[in-house]
PDB file of N, CA and C in Angstrom:
ATOM      1  N   MET A   1       6.764 -11.574  10.444  1.00  0.00           N
ATOM      2  CA  MET A   1       6.594 -11.382   9.027  1.00  0.00           C
ATOM      3  C   MET A   1       5.158 -10.957   8.749  1.00  0.00           C
ATOM      4  N   ILE A   2       4.991 -10.088   7.786  1.00  0.00           N
ATOM      5  CA  ILE A   2       3.672  -9.611   7.387  1.00  0.00           C
ATOM      6  C   ILE A   2       3.019 -10.650   6.481  1.00  0.00           C
ATOM      7  N   GLN A   3       1.743 -10.934   6.731  1.00  0.00           N
ATOM      8  CA  GLN A   3       0.947 -11.806   5.877  1.00  0.00           C
ATOM      9  C   GLN A   3      -0.009 -10.925   5.070  1.00  0.00           C
ATOM     10  N   ILE A   4       0.058 -11.029   3.753  1.00  0.00           N
ATOM     11  CA  ILE A   4      -0.818 -10.255   2.875  1.00  0.00           C
ATOM     12  C   ILE A   4      -1.728 -11.236   2.146  1.00  0.00           C
ATOM     13  N   ALA A   5      -3.031 -11.022   2.255  1.00  0.00           N
ATOM     14  CA  ALA A   5      -4.012 -11.913   1.626  1.00  0.00           C
ATOM     15  C   ALA A   5      -4.297 -11.442   0.202  1.00  0.00           C
ATOM     16  N   CYS A   6      -3.560 -11.987  -0.752  1.00  0.00           N
ATOM     17  CA  CYS A   6      -3.764 -11.645  -2.157  1.00  0.00           C
ATOM     18  C   CYS A   6      -5.158 -12.116  -2.579  1.00  0.00           C
ATOM     19  N   PRO A   7      -5.931 -11.274  -3.272  1.00  0.00           N
ATOM     20  CA  PRO A   7      -7.275 -11.683  -3.684  1.00  0.00           C
ATOM     21  C   PRO A   7      -7.261 -12.854  -4.676  1.00  0.00           C
ATOM     22  N   TYR A   8      -6.149 -13.066  -5.354  1.00  0.00           N
ATOM     23  CA  TYR A   8      -6.057 -14.136  -6.347  1.00  0.00           C
ATOM     24  C   TYR A   8      -5.370 -15.392  -5.805  1.00  0.00           C
ATOM     25  N   CYS A   9      -4.348 -15.228  -4.962  1.00  0.00           N
ATOM     26  CA  CYS A   9      -3.519 -16.349  -4.512  1.00  0.00           C
ATOM     27  C   CYS A   9      -3.766 -16.758  -3.070  1.00  0.00           C
ATOM     28  N   GLY A  10      -4.480 -15.956  -2.299  1.00  0.00           N
ATOM     29  CA  GLY A  10      -4.695 -16.249  -0.890  1.00  0.00           C
ATOM     30  C   GLY A  10      -3.591 -15.645  -0.029  1.00  0.00           C
ATOM     31  N   PRO A  11      -3.559 -15.986   1.264  1.00  0.00           N
ATOM     32  CA  PRO A  11      -2.551 -15.417   2.178  1.00  0.00           C
ATOM     33  C   PRO A  11      -1.132 -15.829   1.781  1.00  0.00           C
ATOM     34  N   ARG A  12      -0.235 -14.842   1.741  1.00  0.00           N
ATOM     35  CA  ARG A  12       1.162 -15.075   1.372  1.00  0.00           C
ATOM     36  C   ARG A  12       2.068 -14.258   2.278  1.00  0.00           C
ATOM     37  N   ASP A  13       3.311 -14.697   2.403  1.00  0.00           N
ATOM     38  CA  ASP A  13       4.307 -13.963   3.188  1.00  0.00           C
ATOM     39  C   ASP A  13       4.744 -12.702   2.459  1.00  0.00           C
ATOM     40  N   GLU A  14       5.181 -11.755   3.249  1.00  0.00           N
ATOM     41  CA  GLU A  14       5.665 -10.475   2.730  1.00  0.00           C
ATOM     42  C   GLU A  14       6.797 -10.648   1.711  1.00  0.00           C
ATOM     43  N   ALA A  15       7.578 -11.722   1.823  1.00  0.00           N
ATOM     44  CA  ALA A  15       8.717 -11.951   0.930  1.00  0.00           C
ATOM     45  C   ALA A  15       8.311 -12.088  -0.528  1.00  0.00           C
ATOM     46  N   GLU A  16       7.052 -12.426  -0.788  1.00  0.00           N
ATOM     47  CA  GLU A  16       6.573 -12.556  -2.167  1.00  0.00           C
ATOM     48  C   GLU A  16       6.170 -11.222  -2.775  1.00  0.00           C
ATOM     49  N   PHE A  17       6.192 -10.150  -1.985  1.00  0.00           N
ATOM     50  CA  PHE A  17       5.707  -8.846  -2.433  1.00  0.00           C
ATOM     51  C   PHE A  17       6.825  -7.812  -2.450  1.00  0.00           C
ATOM     52  N   ALA A  18       6.632  -6.786  -3.250  1.00  0.00           N
ATOM     53  CA  ALA A  18       7.524  -5.623  -3.262  1.00  0.00           C
ATOM     54  C   ALA A  18       6.692  -4.394  -2.900  1.00  0.00           C
ATOM     55  N   TYR A  19       7.176  -3.616  -1.938  1.00  0.00           N
ATOM     56  CA  TYR A  19       6.504  -2.381  -1.535  1.00  0.00           C
ATOM     57  C   TYR A  19       6.664  -1.373  -2.657  1.00  0.00           C
ATOM     58  N   ARG A  20       5.569  -0.743  -3.083  1.00  0.00           N
ATOM     59  CA  ARG A  20       5.619   0.198  -4.199  1.00  0.00           C
ATOM     60  C   ARG A  20       5.354   1.648  -3.795  1.00  0.00           C
ATOM     61  N   GLY A  21       4.958   1.893  -2.544  1.00  0.00           N
ATOM     62  CA  GLY A  21       4.817   3.280  -2.100  1.00  0.00           C
ATOM     63  C   GLY A  21       3.452   3.619  -1.538  1.00  0.00           C
ATOM     64  N   ASP A  22       3.301   4.906  -1.275  1.00  0.00           N
ATOM     65  CA  ASP A  22       2.105   5.476  -0.665  1.00  0.00           C
ATOM     66  C   ASP A  22       0.974   5.518  -1.687  1.00  0.00           C
ATOM     67  N   ALA A  23      -0.166   4.936  -1.361  1.00  0.00           N
ATOM     68  CA  ALA A  23      -1.300   4.910  -2.291  1.00  0.00           C
ATOM     69  C   ALA A  23      -2.207   6.118  -2.149  1.00  0.00           C
ATOM     70  N   THR A  24      -1.873   7.036  -1.249  1.00  0.00           N
ATOM     71  CA  THR A  24      -2.719   8.219  -1.062  1.00  0.00           C
ATOM     72  C   THR A  24      -2.186   9.439  -1.809  1.00  0.00           C
ATOM     73  N   VAL A  25      -0.984   9.367  -2.337  1.00  0.00           N
ATOM     74  CA  VAL A  25      -0.378  10.497  -3.037  1.00  0.00           C
ATOM     75  C   VAL A  25      -0.772  10.445  -4.514  1.00  0.00           C
ATOM     76  N   HIS A  26      -1.206  11.582  -5.046  1.00  0.00           N
ATOM     77  CA  HIS A  26      -1.610  11.655  -6.452  1.00  0.00           C
ATOM     78  C   HIS A  26      -0.635  12.529  -7.229  1.00  0.00           C
ATOM     79  N   ARG A  27      -0.298  12.103  -8.423  1.00  0.00           N
ATOM     80  CA  ARG A  27       0.637  12.838  -9.279  1.00  0.00           C
ATOM     81  C   ARG A  27       0.057  14.210  -9.622  1.00  0.00           C
ATOM     82  N   PRO A  28       0.855  15.284  -9.455  1.00  0.00           N
ATOM     83  CA  PRO A  28       0.339  16.624  -9.734  1.00  0.00           C
ATOM     84  C   PRO A  28       0.169  16.850 -11.238  1.00  0.00           C
ATOM     85  N   ALA A  29      -0.790  17.693 -11.576  1.00  0.00           N
ATOM     86  CA  ALA A  29      -1.051  18.005 -12.982  1.00  0.00           C
ATOM     87  C   ALA A  29      -0.024  19.002 -13.533  1.00  0.00           C
ATOM     88  N   GLU A  30       0.573  19.796 -12.651  1.00  0.00           N
ATOM     89  CA  GLU A  30       1.527  20.820 -13.087  1.00  0.00           C
ATOM     90  C   GLU A  30       2.928  20.503 -12.587  1.00  0.00           C
ATOM     91  N   GLU A  31       3.908  20.976 -13.303  1.00  0.00           N
ATOM     92  CA  GLU A  31       5.300  20.713 -12.974  1.00  0.00           C
ATOM     93  C   GLU A  31       5.721  21.330 -11.643  1.00  0.00           C
ATOM     94  N   ALA A  32       5.064  22.391 -11.231  1.00  0.00           N
ATOM     95  CA  ALA A  32       5.448  23.092 -10.005  1.00  0.00           C
ATOM     96  C   ALA A  32       5.375  22.189  -8.764  1.00  0.00           C
ATOM     97  N   GLY A  33       4.435  21.276  -8.702  1.00  0.00           N
ATOM     98  CA  GLY A  33       4.289  20.422  -7.537  1.00  0.00           C
ATOM     99  C   GLY A  33       5.017  19.093  -7.642  1.00  0.00           C
ATOM    100  N   PHE A  34       5.752  18.889  -8.732  1.00  0.00           N
ATOM    101  CA  PHE A  34       6.380  17.591  -8.966  1.00  0.00           C
ATOM    102  C   PHE A  34       7.509  17.287  -7.985  1.00  0.00           C
ATOM    103  N   HIS A  35       8.274  18.284  -7.570  1.00  0.00           N
ATOM    104  CA  HIS A  35       9.369  18.068  -6.622  1.00  0.00           C
ATOM    105  C   HIS A  35       8.838  17.474  -5.323  1.00  0.00           C
ATOM    106  N   ASP A  36       7.787  18.075  -4.771  1.00  0.00           N
ATOM    107  CA  ASP A  36       7.210  17.565  -3.524  1.00  0.00           C
ATOM    108  C   ASP A  36       6.611  16.179  -3.724  1.00  0.00           C
ATOM    109  N   TYR A  37       6.023  15.922  -4.880  1.00  0.00           N
ATOM    110  CA  TYR A  37       5.442  14.614  -5.179  1.00  0.00           C
ATOM    111  C   TYR A  37       6.509  13.513  -5.132  1.00  0.00           C
ATOM    112  N   VAL A  38       7.696  13.809  -5.619  1.00  0.00           N
ATOM    113  CA  VAL A  38       8.769  12.809  -5.678  1.00  0.00           C
ATOM    114  C   VAL A  38       9.542  12.718  -4.369  1.00  0.00           C
ATOM    115  N   TYR A  39       9.871  13.849  -3.748  1.00  0.00           N
ATOM    116  CA  TYR A  39      10.818  13.857  -2.636  1.00  0.00           C
ATOM    117  C   TYR A  39      10.238  14.113  -1.252  1.00  0.00           C
ATOM    118  N   ALA A  40       9.166  14.844  -1.136  1.00  0.00           N
ATOM    119  CA  ALA A  40       8.627  15.212   0.177  1.00  0.00           C
ATOM    120  C   ALA A  40       7.532  14.226   0.573  1.00  0.00           C
ATOM    121  N   ARG A  41       7.874  13.304   1.447  1.00  0.00           N
ATOM    122  CA  ARG A  41       6.918  12.288   1.886  1.00  0.00           C
ATOM    123  C   ARG A  41       6.766  12.322   3.396  1.00  0.00           C
ATOM    124  N   ALA A  42       5.562  12.057   3.842  1.00  0.00           N
ATOM    125  CA  ALA A  42       5.284  11.962   5.274  1.00  0.00           C
ATOM    126  C   ALA A  42       5.687  10.574   5.759  1.00  0.00           C
ATOM    127  N   ASN A  43       5.947  10.463   7.036  1.00  0.00           N
ATOM    128  CA  ASN A  43       6.258   9.178   7.645  1.00  0.00           C
ATOM    129  C   ASN A  43       5.217   8.948   8.742  1.00  0.00           C
ATOM    130  N   PRO A  44       3.997   8.528   8.327  1.00  0.00           N
ATOM    131  CA  PRO A  44       2.896   8.464   9.301  1.00  0.00           C
ATOM    132  C   PRO A  44       3.027   7.297  10.276  1.00  0.00           C
ATOM    133  N   ARG A  45       2.472   7.495  11.451  1.00  0.00           N
ATOM    134  CA  ARG A  45       2.360   6.405  12.430  1.00  0.00           C
ATOM    135  C   ARG A  45       0.873   6.094  12.518  1.00  0.00           C
ATOM    136  N   GLY A  46       0.541   4.855  12.278  1.00  0.00           N
ATOM    137  CA  GLY A  46      -0.862   4.453  12.317  1.00  0.00           C
ATOM    138  C   GLY A  46      -1.255   3.790  11.001  1.00  0.00           C
ATOM    139  N   TRP A  47      -2.530   3.847  10.690  1.00  0.00           N
ATOM    140  CA  TRP A  47      -3.034   3.195   9.481  1.00  0.00           C
ATOM    141  C   TRP A  47      -2.603   3.938   8.236  1.00  0.00           C
ATOM    142  N   HIS A  48      -2.135   3.184   7.250  1.00  0.00           N
ATOM    143  CA  HIS A  48      -1.584   3.783   6.047  1.00  0.00           C
ATOM    144  C   HIS A  48      -1.971   2.936   4.840  1.00  0.00           C
ATOM    145  N   LEU A  49      -2.387   3.581   3.762  1.00  0.00           N
ATOM    146  CA  LEU A  49      -2.761   2.890   2.537  1.00  0.00           C
ATOM    147  C   LEU A  49      -1.554   2.850   1.610  1.00  0.00           C
ATOM    148  N   GLU A  50      -1.162   1.642   1.205  1.00  0.00           N
ATOM    149  CA  GLU A  50       0.086   1.456   0.459  1.00  0.00           C
ATOM    150  C   GLU A  50      -0.141   0.614  -0.794  1.00  0.00           C
ATOM    151  N   TRP A  51       0.760   0.783  -1.774  1.00  0.00           N
ATOM    152  CA  TRP A  51       0.795  -0.077  -2.957  1.00  0.00           C
ATOM    153  C   TRP A  51       1.775  -1.219  -2.704  1.00  0.00           C
ATOM    154  N   TRP A  52       1.372  -2.448  -3.013  1.00  0.00           N
ATOM    155  CA  TRP A  52       2.244  -3.610  -2.942  1.00  0.00           C
ATOM    156  C   TRP A  52       2.100  -4.373  -4.256  1.00  0.00           C
ATOM    157  N   HIS A  53       3.205  -4.910  -4.765  1.00  0.00           N
ATOM    158  CA  HIS A  53       3.224  -5.664  -6.025  1.00  0.00           C
ATOM    159  C   HIS A  53       3.534  -7.124  -5.697  1.00  0.00           C
ATOM    160  N   HIS A  54       2.672  -8.031  -6.129  1.00  0.00           N
ATOM    161  CA  HIS A  54       2.864  -9.464  -5.833  1.00  0.00           C
ATOM    162  C   HIS A  54       3.858 -10.044  -6.848  1.00  0.00           C
ATOM    163  N   THR A  55       5.121  -9.750  -6.660  1.00  0.00           N
ATOM    164  CA  THR A  55       6.169 -10.152  -7.606  1.00  0.00           C
ATOM    165  C   THR A  55       6.442 -11.646  -7.592  1.00  0.00           C
ATOM    166  N   GLY A  56       6.206 -12.318  -6.477  1.00  0.00           N
ATOM    167  CA  GLY A  56       6.483 -13.747  -6.378  1.00  0.00           C
ATOM    168  C   GLY A  56       5.266 -14.608  -6.615  1.00  0.00           C
ATOM    169  N   GLY A  57       4.230 -14.035  -7.199  1.00  0.00           N
ATOM    170  CA  GLY A  57       2.995 -14.779  -7.413  1.00  0.00           C
ATOM    171  C   GLY A  57       2.312 -14.347  -8.690  1.00  0.00           C
ATOM    172  N   CYS A  58       1.110 -13.810  -8.556  1.00  0.00           N
ATOM    173  CA  CYS A  58       0.280 -13.484  -9.712  1.00  0.00           C
ATOM    174  C   CYS A  58       0.654 -12.168 -10.392  1.00  0.00           C
ATOM    175  N   ARG A  59       1.577 -11.405  -9.819  1.00  0.00           N
ATOM    176  CA  ARG A  59       2.067 -10.136 -10.349  1.00  0.00           C
ATOM    177  C   ARG A  59       1.036  -9.006 -10.262  1.00  0.00           C
ATOM    178  N   ALA A  60       0.014  -9.177  -9.451  1.00  0.00           N
ATOM    179  CA  ALA A  60      -1.007  -8.142  -9.278  1.00  0.00           C
ATOM    180  C   ALA A  60      -0.471  -6.990  -8.435  1.00  0.00           C
ATOM    181  N   VAL A  61      -0.975  -5.804  -8.703  1.00  0.00           N
ATOM    182  CA  VAL A  61      -0.694  -4.628  -7.883  1.00  0.00           C
ATOM    183  C   VAL A  61      -1.879  -4.478  -6.938  1.00  0.00           C
ATOM    184  N   LEU A  62      -1.595  -4.354  -5.646  1.00  0.00           N
ATOM    185  CA  LEU A  62      -2.640  -4.341  -4.629  1.00  0.00           C
ATOM    186  C   LEU A  62      -2.551  -3.107  -3.747  1.00  0.00           C
ATOM    187  N   LYS A  63      -3.691  -2.691  -3.214  1.00  0.00           N
ATOM    188  CA  LYS A  63      -3.731  -1.675  -2.170  1.00  0.00           C
ATOM    189  C   LYS A  63      -3.830  -2.414  -0.852  1.00  0.00           C
ATOM    190  N   VAL A  64      -2.964  -2.046   0.082  1.00  0.00           N
ATOM    191  CA  VAL A  64      -2.930  -2.704   1.383  1.00  0.00           C
ATOM    192  C   VAL A  64      -3.075  -1.639   2.468  1.00  0.00           C
ATOM    193  N   LEU A  65      -4.015  -1.847   3.371  1.00  0.00           N
ATOM    194  CA  LEU A  65      -4.182  -0.975   4.524  1.00  0.00           C
ATOM    195  C   LEU A  65      -3.426  -1.609   5.674  1.00  0.00           C
ATOM    196  N   ARG A  66      -2.301  -0.967   6.073  1.00  0.00           N
ATOM    197  CA  ARG A  66      -1.380  -1.551   7.050  1.00  0.00           C
ATOM    198  C   ARG A  66      -1.093  -0.537   8.148  1.00  0.00           C
ATOM    199  N   HIS A  67      -0.972  -1.031   9.380  1.00  0.00           N
ATOM    200  CA  HIS A  67      -0.590  -0.172  10.509  1.00  0.00           C
ATOM    201  C   HIS A  67       0.935  -0.112  10.533  1.00  0.00           C
ATOM    202  N   THR A  68       1.488   1.090  10.479  1.00  0.00           N
ATOM    203  CA  THR A  68       2.940   1.235  10.349  1.00  0.00           C
ATOM    204  C   THR A  68       3.708   0.885  11.619  1.00  0.00           C
ATOM    205  N   ALA A  69       3.053   0.893  12.769  1.00  0.00           N
ATOM    206  CA  ALA A  69       3.752   0.552  14.012  1.00  0.00           C
ATOM    207  C   ALA A  69       3.676  -0.940  14.319  1.00  0.00           C
ATOM    208  N   THR A  70       2.518  -1.550  14.080  1.00  0.00           N
ATOM    209  CA  THR A  70       2.333  -2.963  14.435  1.00  0.00           C
ATOM    210  C   THR A  70       2.436  -3.895  13.233  1.00  0.00           C
ATOM    211  N   HIS A  71       2.401  -3.354  12.039  1.00  0.00           N
ATOM    212  CA  HIS A  71       2.418  -4.110  10.771  1.00  0.00           C
ATOM    213  C   HIS A  71       1.183  -4.976  10.583  1.00  0.00           C
ATOM    214  N   GLU A  72       0.112  -4.692  11.333  1.00  0.00           N
ATOM    215  CA  GLU A  72      -1.150  -5.403  11.140  1.00  0.00           C
ATOM    216  C   GLU A  72      -1.748  -5.002   9.790  1.00  0.00           C
ATOM    217  N   VAL A  73      -2.176  -5.976   9.010  1.00  0.00           N
ATOM    218  CA  VAL A  73      -2.837  -5.712   7.737  1.00  0.00           C
ATOM    219  C   VAL A  73      -4.335  -5.824   7.964  1.00  0.00           C
ATOM    220  N   ARG A  74      -5.059  -4.736   7.710  1.00  0.00           N
ATOM    221  CA  ARG A  74      -6.497  -4.711   7.958  1.00  0.00           C
ATOM    222  C   ARG A  74      -7.288  -5.021   6.691  1.00  0.00           C
ATOM    223  N   ALA A  75      -6.815  -4.582   5.524  1.00  0.00           N
ATOM    224  CA  ALA A  75      -7.559  -4.804   4.279  1.00  0.00           C
ATOM    225  C   ALA A  75      -6.588  -4.897   3.112  1.00  0.00           C
ATOM    226  N   VAL A  76      -6.951  -5.717   2.138  1.00  0.00           N
ATOM    227  CA  VAL A  76      -6.191  -5.851   0.895  1.00  0.00           C
ATOM    228  C   VAL A  76      -7.193  -5.795  -0.242  1.00  0.00           C
ATOM    229  N   GLY A  77      -6.893  -4.992  -1.255  1.00  0.00           N
ATOM    230  CA  GLY A  77      -7.816  -4.881  -2.375  1.00  0.00           C
ATOM    231  C   GLY A  77      -7.109  -4.586  -3.674  1.00  0.00           C
ATOM    232  N   LEU A  78      -7.893  -4.442  -4.693  1.00  0.00           N
ATOM    233  CA  LEU A  78      -7.396  -4.115  -6.025  1.00  0.00           C
ATOM    234  C   LEU A  78      -7.251  -2.596  -6.137  1.00  0.00           C
ATOM    235  N   PRO A  79      -6.592  -2.102  -7.180  1.00  0.00           N
ATOM    236  CA  PRO A  79      -6.363  -0.653  -7.287  1.00  0.00           C
ATOM    237  C   PRO A  79      -7.622   0.207  -7.230  1.00  0.00           C
ATOM    238  N   ALA A  80      -8.749  -0.281  -7.684  1.00  0.00           N
ATOM    239  CA  ALA A  80      -9.988   0.513  -7.659  1.00  0.00           C
ATOM    240  C   ALA A  80     -10.642   0.536  -6.281  1.00  0.00           C
ATOM    241  N   ASP A  81     -10.265  -0.348  -5.382  1.00  0.00           N
ATOM    242  CA  ASP A  81     -10.859  -0.421  -4.044  1.00  0.00           C
ATOM    243  C   ASP A  81     -10.400   0.742  -3.175  1.00  0.00           C
ATOM    244  N   ARG A  82     -11.256   1.113  -2.210  1.00  0.00           N
ATOM    245  CA  ARG A  82     -10.943   2.192  -1.276  1.00  0.00           C
ATOM    246  C   ARG A  82     -11.138   1.727   0.156  1.00  0.00           C
ATOM    247  N   PRO A  83     -10.186   0.946   0.681  1.00  0.00           N
ATOM    248  CA  PRO A  83     -10.336   0.504   2.068  1.00  0.00           C
ATOM    249  C   PRO A  83     -10.217   1.676   3.033  1.00  0.00           C
ATOM    250  N   GLU A  84     -11.056   1.665   4.047  1.00  0.00           N
ATOM    251  CA  GLU A  84     -11.082   2.746   5.045  1.00  0.00           C
ATOM    252  C   GLU A  84     -10.385   2.273   6.320  1.00  0.00           C
ATOM    253  N   PRO A  85      -9.574   3.137   6.941  1.00  0.00           N
ATOM    254  CA  PRO A  85      -8.951   2.769   8.211  1.00  0.00           C
ATOM    255  C   PRO A  85     -10.003   2.626   9.314  1.00  0.00           C
ATOM    256  N   PRO A  86      -9.739   1.790  10.301  1.00  0.00           N
ATOM    257  CA  PRO A  86     -10.685   1.627  11.399  1.00  0.00           C
ATOM    258  C   PRO A  86     -10.802   2.913  12.212  1.00  0.00           C
ATOM    259  N   SER A  87     -11.953   3.102  12.826  1.00  0.00           N
ATOM    260  CA  SER A  87     -12.196   4.343  13.570  1.00  0.00           C
ATOM    261  C   SER A  87     -11.454   4.371  14.910  1.00  0.00           C
ATOM    262  N   ALA A  88     -11.131   3.211  15.464  1.00  0.00           N
ATOM    263  CA  ALA A  88     -10.442   3.220  16.760  1.00  0.00           C
ATOM    264  C   ALA A  88      -9.184   2.404  16.724  1.00  0.00           C
TER     265      ALA A  88
END
């Protein structure tokens, strides 16, 4: 099970959270790019920045830096934070 360290509630099990999607994708300003924004997603292997919603706790929306193969969580922050993936 994935352990996510909520900045408000402390470490919690993944069951208290809902995955909300890729935190690196930005909504396009024009309608032409909207199809790809909604439907065309990459399936990366390695470090990935994601949105998680703490539905079973404080209800905060968090950015989580997680490795998609090992499920290791390297950083958890608020929406304004910019966690960087490790270099190695």
